[in-house]
C-alpha atoms as a PDB file:
ATOM      1  CA  MET A   1      75.902  80.558 114.434  1.00  0.00           C
ATOM      2  CA  ARG A   2      73.779  83.509 113.431  1.00  0.00           C
ATOM      3  CA  THR A   3      75.232  86.162 111.138  1.00  0.00           C
ATOM      4  CA  ALA A   4      73.862  89.516 110.156  1.00  0.00           C
ATOM      5  CA  THR A   5      73.045  89.989 106.508  1.00  0.00           C
ATOM      6  CA  SER A   6      73.386  93.736 106.752  1.00  0.00           C
ATOM      7  CA  ALA A   7      75.414  95.989 108.967  1.00  0.00           C
ATOM      8  CA  SER A   8      73.722  98.961 107.356  1.00  0.00           C
ATOM      9  CA  LEU A   9      70.922  99.226 109.939  1.00  0.00           C
ATOM     10  CA  SER A  10      72.788 101.906 111.919  1.00  0.00           C
ATOM     11  CA  VAL A  11      74.364 103.565 108.878  1.00  0.00           C
ATOM     12  CA  PRO A  12      72.463 106.568 107.533  1.00  0.00           C
ATOM     13  CA  ILE A  13      71.293 106.275 103.942  1.00  0.00           C
ATOM     14  CA  LEU A  14      72.143 109.287 101.801  1.00  0.00           C
ATOM     15  CA  GLU A  15      70.628 109.996  98.422  1.00  0.00           C
ATOM     16  CA  THR A  16      71.818 112.327  95.685  1.00  0.00           C
ATOM     17  CA  GLU A  17      70.340 112.968  92.291  1.00  0.00           C
ATOM     18  CA  ARG A  18      71.830 109.761  90.851  1.00  0.00           C
ATOM     19  CA  LEU A  19      73.313 107.826  93.761  1.00  0.00           C
ATOM     20  CA  VAL A  20      72.437 106.038  96.991  1.00  0.00           C
ATOM     21  CA  LEU A  21      75.030 105.842  99.758  1.00  0.00           C
ATOM     22  CA  ARG A  22      74.277 103.023 102.207  1.00  0.00           C
ATOM     23  CA  GLY A  23      76.019 100.772 104.645  1.00  0.00           C
ATOM     24  CA  HIS A  24      78.034  97.861 103.318  1.00  0.00           C
ATOM     25  CA  ARG A  25      76.454  94.417 103.322  1.00  0.00           C
ATOM     26  CA  ILE A  26      77.964  90.970 103.154  1.00  0.00           C
ATOM     27  CA  GLY A  27      76.490  90.746  99.666  1.00  0.00           C
ATOM     28  CA  ASP A  28      78.767  93.619  98.596  1.00  0.00           C
ATOM     29  CA  PHE A  29      81.866  91.469  99.004  1.00  0.00           C
ATOM     30  CA  ALA A  30      82.030  90.368  95.344  1.00  0.00           C
ATOM     31  CA  ASP A  31      81.747  93.986  94.138  1.00  0.00           C
ATOM     32  CA  CYS A  32      84.330  95.121  96.685  1.00  0.00           C
ATOM     33  CA  LEU A  33      86.655  92.318  95.608  1.00  0.00           C
ATOM     34  CA  ALA A  34      86.306  93.301  91.937  1.00  0.00           C
ATOM     35  CA  LEU A  35      86.981  96.933  92.864  1.00  0.00           C
ATOM     36  CA  TRP A  36      90.018  96.394  95.068  1.00  0.00           C
ATOM     37  CA  THR A  37      91.685  93.756  92.884  1.00  0.00           C
ATOM     38  CA  ASP A  38      91.565  96.050  89.842  1.00  0.00           C
ATOM     39  CA  PRO A  39      95.080  97.393  89.079  1.00  0.00           C
ATOM     40  CA  GLU A  40      93.552 100.572  87.614  1.00  0.00           C
ATOM     41  CA  ILE A  41      91.978 101.324  90.993  1.00  0.00           C
ATOM     42  CA  THR A  42      94.866 100.343  93.243  1.00  0.00           C
ATOM     43  CA  ARG A  43      97.693 101.989  91.290  1.00  0.00           C
ATOM     44  CA  PHE A  44      97.202 105.145  93.391  1.00  0.00           C
ATOM     45  CA  ILE A  45      95.886 103.426  96.530  1.00  0.00           C
ATOM     46  CA  GLY A  46      98.487 101.077  97.904  1.00  0.00           C
ATOM     47  CA  GLY A  47     100.138 100.481  94.533  1.00  0.00           C
ATOM     48  CA  LYS A  48      99.011  96.870  94.050  1.00  0.00           C
ATOM     49  CA  PRO A  49      95.767  94.922  93.866  1.00  0.00           C
ATOM     50  CA  SER A  50      94.438  93.710  97.192  1.00  0.00           C
ATOM     51  CA  THR A  51      94.098  90.069  98.095  1.00  0.00           C
ATOM     52  CA  GLN A  52      90.743  88.509  98.958  1.00  0.00           C
ATOM     53  CA  GLU A  53      91.785  88.539 102.602  1.00  0.00           C
ATOM     54  CA  GLU A  54      92.696  92.242 102.473  1.00  0.00           C
ATOM     55  CA  VAL A  55      89.360  93.106 100.836  1.00  0.00           C
ATOM     56  CA  TRP A  56      87.475  91.155 103.483  1.00  0.00           C
ATOM     57  CA  SER A  57      89.416  93.018 106.210  1.00  0.00           C
ATOM     58  CA  ARG A  58      88.550  96.314 104.526  1.00  0.00           C
ATOM     59  CA  LEU A  59      84.837  95.431 104.489  1.00  0.00           C
ATOM     60  CA  VAL A  60      84.919  94.437 108.158  1.00  0.00           C
ATOM     61  CA  ARG A  61      86.858  97.614 108.998  1.00  0.00           C
ATOM     62  CA  TYR A  62      84.149  99.734 107.319  1.00  0.00           C
ATOM     63  CA  VAL A  63      81.458  98.108 109.477  1.00  0.00           C
ATOM     64  CA  GLY A  64      83.649  98.508 112.558  1.00  0.00           C
ATOM     65  CA  HIS A  65      84.038 102.233 111.967  1.00  0.00           C
ATOM     66  CA  TRP A  66      80.282 102.740 112.089  1.00  0.00           C
ATOM     67  CA  THR A  67      79.909 100.498 115.130  1.00  0.00           C
ATOM     68  CA  LEU A  68      82.754 101.954 117.191  1.00  0.00           C
ATOM     69  CA  LEU A  69      83.041 105.543 115.945  1.00  0.00           C
ATOM     70  CA  GLY A  70      79.626 106.468 114.525  1.00  0.00           C
ATOM     71  CA  PHE A  71      81.035 107.233 111.096  1.00  0.00           C
ATOM     72  CA  GLY A  72      82.621 105.297 108.267  1.00  0.00           C
ATOM     73  CA  TYR A  73      82.353 104.389 104.623  1.00  0.00           C
ATOM     74  CA  TRP A  74      79.243 103.945 102.526  1.00  0.00           C
ATOM     75  CA  ALA A  75      78.768 101.636  99.555  1.00  0.00           C
ATOM     76  CA  VAL A  76      77.811 103.828  96.622  1.00  0.00           C
ATOM     77  CA  THR A  77      75.191 102.509  94.202  1.00  0.00           C
ATOM     78  CA  GLU A  78      73.373 103.964  91.246  1.00  0.00           C
ATOM     79  CA  LYS A  79      69.849 105.031  92.119  1.00  0.00           C
ATOM     80  CA  ASP A  80      68.610 103.672  88.811  1.00  0.00           C
ATOM     81  CA  GLY A  81      69.146  99.902  89.009  1.00  0.00           C
ATOM     82  CA  GLY A  82      71.259  99.721  92.189  1.00  0.00           C
ATOM     83  CA  ARG A  83      74.550  98.926  90.493  1.00  0.00           C
ATOM     84  CA  PHE A  84      77.547  99.139  92.878  1.00  0.00           C
ATOM     85  CA  VAL A  85      79.845 101.972  91.744  1.00  0.00           C
ATOM     86  CA  GLY A  86      82.223 102.465  94.641  1.00  0.00           C
ATOM     87  CA  GLU A  87      82.796 103.635  98.188  1.00  0.00           C
ATOM     88  CA  VAL A  88      83.021 106.953  99.992  1.00  0.00           C
ATOM     89  CA  GLY A  89      83.244 107.957 103.600  1.00  0.00           C
ATOM     90  CA  PHE A  90      85.159 109.096 106.640  1.00  0.00           C
ATOM     91  CA  SER A  91      87.722 107.136 108.592  1.00  0.00           C
ATOM     92  CA  ASP A  92      90.162 107.105 111.437  1.00  0.00           C
ATOM     93  CA  PHE A  93      92.800 104.661 110.183  1.00  0.00           C
ATOM     94  CA  ARG A  94      95.378 105.765 112.790  1.00  0.00           C
ATOM     95  CA  ARG A  95      97.844 106.333 109.981  1.00  0.00           C
ATOM     96  CA  VAL A  96     101.518 106.851 110.745  1.00  0.00           C
ATOM     97  CA  ILE A  97     101.907 110.071 108.797  1.00  0.00           C
ATOM     98  CA  GLU A  98     103.386 113.525 109.372  1.00  0.00           C
ATOM     99  CA  PRO A  99     101.663 115.691 110.216  1.00  0.00           C
ATOM    100  CA  PRO A 100      99.404 113.273 112.101  1.00  0.00           C
ATOM    101  CA  LEU A 101      95.711 113.089 111.301  1.00  0.00           C
ATOM    102  CA  ASP A 102      94.823 112.289 114.917  1.00  0.00           C
ATOM    103  CA  GLY A 103      91.334 113.534 115.654  1.00  0.00           C
ATOM    104  CA  ILE A 104      90.757 114.725 112.083  1.00  0.00           C
ATOM    105  CA  PRO A 105      88.101 112.818 110.100  1.00  0.00           C
ATOM    106  CA  GLU A 106      89.717 111.598 106.891  1.00  0.00           C
ATOM    107  CA  ILE A 107      87.499 111.415 103.828  1.00  0.00           C
ATOM    108  CA  GLY A 108      88.158 109.057 100.937  1.00  0.00           C
ATOM    109  CA  TRP A 109      86.454 107.870  97.785  1.00  0.00           C
ATOM    110  CA  VAL A 110      86.921 105.227  95.156  1.00  0.00           C
ATOM    111  CA  ILE A 111      84.795 104.683  92.073  1.00  0.00           C
ATOM    112  CA  ALA A 112      84.799 101.551  89.905  1.00  0.00           C
ATOM    113  CA  PRO A 113      86.088 101.988  86.349  1.00  0.00           C
ATOM    114  CA  HIS A 114      82.556 101.709  84.898  1.00  0.00           C
ATOM    115  CA  GLY A 115      81.660 104.835  86.897  1.00  0.00           C
ATOM    116  CA  HIS A 116      84.655 106.973  85.931  1.00  0.00           C
ATOM    117  CA  GLY A 117      84.068 110.233  84.113  1.00  0.00           C
ATOM    118  CA  LYS A 118      80.453 110.571  85.257  1.00  0.00           C
ATOM    119  CA  GLY A 119      81.003 112.864  88.236  1.00  0.00           C
ATOM    120  CA  TYR A 120      80.064 110.123  90.698  1.00  0.00           C
ATOM    121  CA  ALA A 121      83.062 110.680  92.985  1.00  0.00           C
ATOM    122  CA  THR A 122      82.298 114.398  93.390  1.00  0.00           C
ATOM    123  CA  GLU A 123      78.581 113.738  93.844  1.00  0.00           C
ATOM    124  CA  ALA A 124      79.163 111.069  96.476  1.00  0.00           C
ATOM    125  CA  ALA A 125      81.892 113.020  98.273  1.00  0.00           C
ATOM    126  CA  ARG A 126      79.707 116.125  98.464  1.00  0.00           C
ATOM    127  CA  ALA A 127      76.894 114.069 100.026  1.00  0.00           C
ATOM    128  CA  ALA A 128      79.326 112.579 102.545  1.00  0.00           C
ATOM    129  CA  ILE A 129      80.747 116.041 103.364  1.00  0.00           C
ATOM    130  CA  ALA A 130      77.244 117.452 103.945  1.00  0.00           C
ATOM    131  CA  TRP A 131      76.521 114.551 106.285  1.00  0.00           C
ATOM    132  CA  GLY A 132      79.888 115.090 108.003  1.00  0.00           C
ATOM    133  CA  GLU A 133      79.203 118.768 108.604  1.00  0.00           C
ATOM    134  CA  GLY A 134      76.054 117.822 110.469  1.00  0.00           C
ATOM    135  CA  HIS A 135      77.688 114.940 112.313  1.00  0.00           C
ATOM    136  CA  PHE A 136      81.105 116.373 113.215  1.00  0.00           C
ATOM    137  CA  GLY A 137      80.171 120.043 113.357  1.00  0.00           C
ATOM    138  CA  PRO A 138      82.567 122.754 112.207  1.00  0.00           C
ATOM    139  CA  VAL A 139      85.782 120.710 112.237  1.00  0.00           C
ATOM    140  CA  ARG A 140      88.605 120.335 109.793  1.00  0.00           C
ATOM    141  CA  THR A 141      88.533 117.224 107.625  1.00  0.00           C
ATOM    142  CA  ALA A 142      91.365 115.905 105.520  1.00  0.00           C
ATOM    143  CA  CYS A 143      92.218 113.545 102.693  1.00  0.00           C
ATOM    144  CA  ILE A 144      95.467 112.182 101.343  1.00  0.00           C
ATOM    145  CA  ILE A 145      96.065 111.675  97.621  1.00  0.00           C
ATOM    146  CA  ALA A 146      98.959 110.444  95.521  1.00  0.00           C
ATOM    147  CA  PRO A 147     100.391 113.417  93.566  1.00  0.00           C
ATOM    148  CA  GLU A 148      99.879 111.655  90.238  1.00  0.00           C
ATOM    149  CA  ASN A 149      96.201 110.937  90.945  1.00  0.00           C
ATOM    150  CA  GLU A 150      94.930 114.007  89.091  1.00  0.00           C
ATOM    151  CA  PRO A 151      91.260 112.910  88.950  1.00  0.00           C
ATOM    152  CA  SER A 152      91.098 112.583  92.768  1.00  0.00           C
ATOM    153  CA  ILE A 153      92.887 115.896  93.213  1.00  0.00           C
ATOM    154  CA  ARG A 154      90.209 117.525  91.032  1.00  0.00           C
ATOM    155  CA  VAL A 155      87.456 115.891  93.125  1.00  0.00           C
ATOM    156  CA  ALA A 156      89.067 117.139  96.326  1.00  0.00           C
ATOM    157  CA  GLU A 157      89.332 120.673  94.970  1.00  0.00           C
ATOM    158  CA  LYS A 158      85.701 120.653  93.707  1.00  0.00           C
ATOM    159  CA  CYS A 159      84.682 119.646  97.241  1.00  0.00           C
ATOM    160  CA  GLY A 160      86.550 122.536  98.865  1.00  0.00           C
ATOM    161  CA  TYR A 161      89.765 120.745  99.889  1.00  0.00           C
ATOM    162  CA  ARG A 162      93.024 122.632  99.496  1.00  0.00           C
ATOM    163  CA  GLU A 163      96.573 121.372  99.553  1.00  0.00           C
ATOM    164  CA  PHE A 164      97.934 121.586 103.072  1.00  0.00           C
ATOM    165  CA  ARG A 165     101.241 119.758 102.916  1.00  0.00           C
ATOM    166  CA  ARG A 166     103.296 117.433 100.780  1.00  0.00           C
ATOM    167  CA  THR A 167     104.439 114.486 102.838  1.00  0.00           C
ATOM    168  CA  THR A 168     105.035 110.754 102.543  1.00  0.00           C
ATOM    169  CA  TYR A 169     102.897 107.814 103.511  1.00  0.00           C
ATOM    170  CA  LYS A 170     104.368 104.305 103.506  1.00  0.00           C
ATOM    171  CA  ASP A 171     107.477 105.767 101.847  1.00  0.00           C
ATOM    172  CA  LYS A 172     105.487 107.201  98.896  1.00  0.00           C
ATOM    173  CA  PRO A 173     104.899 110.856  98.056  1.00  0.00           C
ATOM    174  CA  THR A 174     101.501 111.994  99.304  1.00  0.00           C
ATOM    175  CA  ILE A 175      99.604 115.258  99.302  1.00  0.00           C
ATOM    176  CA  MET A 176      97.530 116.077 102.372  1.00  0.00           C
ATOM    177  CA  PHE A 177      94.465 118.191 101.702  1.00  0.00           C
ATOM    178  CA  VAL A 178      92.270 119.895 104.298  1.00  0.00           C
ATOM    179  CA  ARG A 179      88.838 121.493 104.297  1.00  0.00           C
END
């Protein structure tokens, strides 16, 4: 059986002053596992650390987005040294949420604890948004954030997102932002 070592061949590489956004690779699994099993990260995203199986499904889902939809999530690494710092990108998760996000690209970001407080989330999100404007054209994009996740709310606002509606997702309070 032959397996690909990188699904990033069709994923555009974006560079910012300090970061490189690239397609996920099989070799990113350990970093993704460390990220998504960290209670500090998952307290606002799902509420509990992910299992190894859930992290693997997430990684495969990222690759599938690019393959099927032409957009998805990037692995975010530091330009200097290549250290994995998180993930950012657009999705269509087909969420059951009101109002529905059907047809609206949903942006998201997550930065590992060692990257917190450095402005990486805003820098990466802005790069993704610039790419999205060229890819999607002049369309509305959205993000959903837990009301208590003040750092992500600040990132959203710095990137031009404004609160659209307070709703629930999986029975938890959620704020929907649009840009």
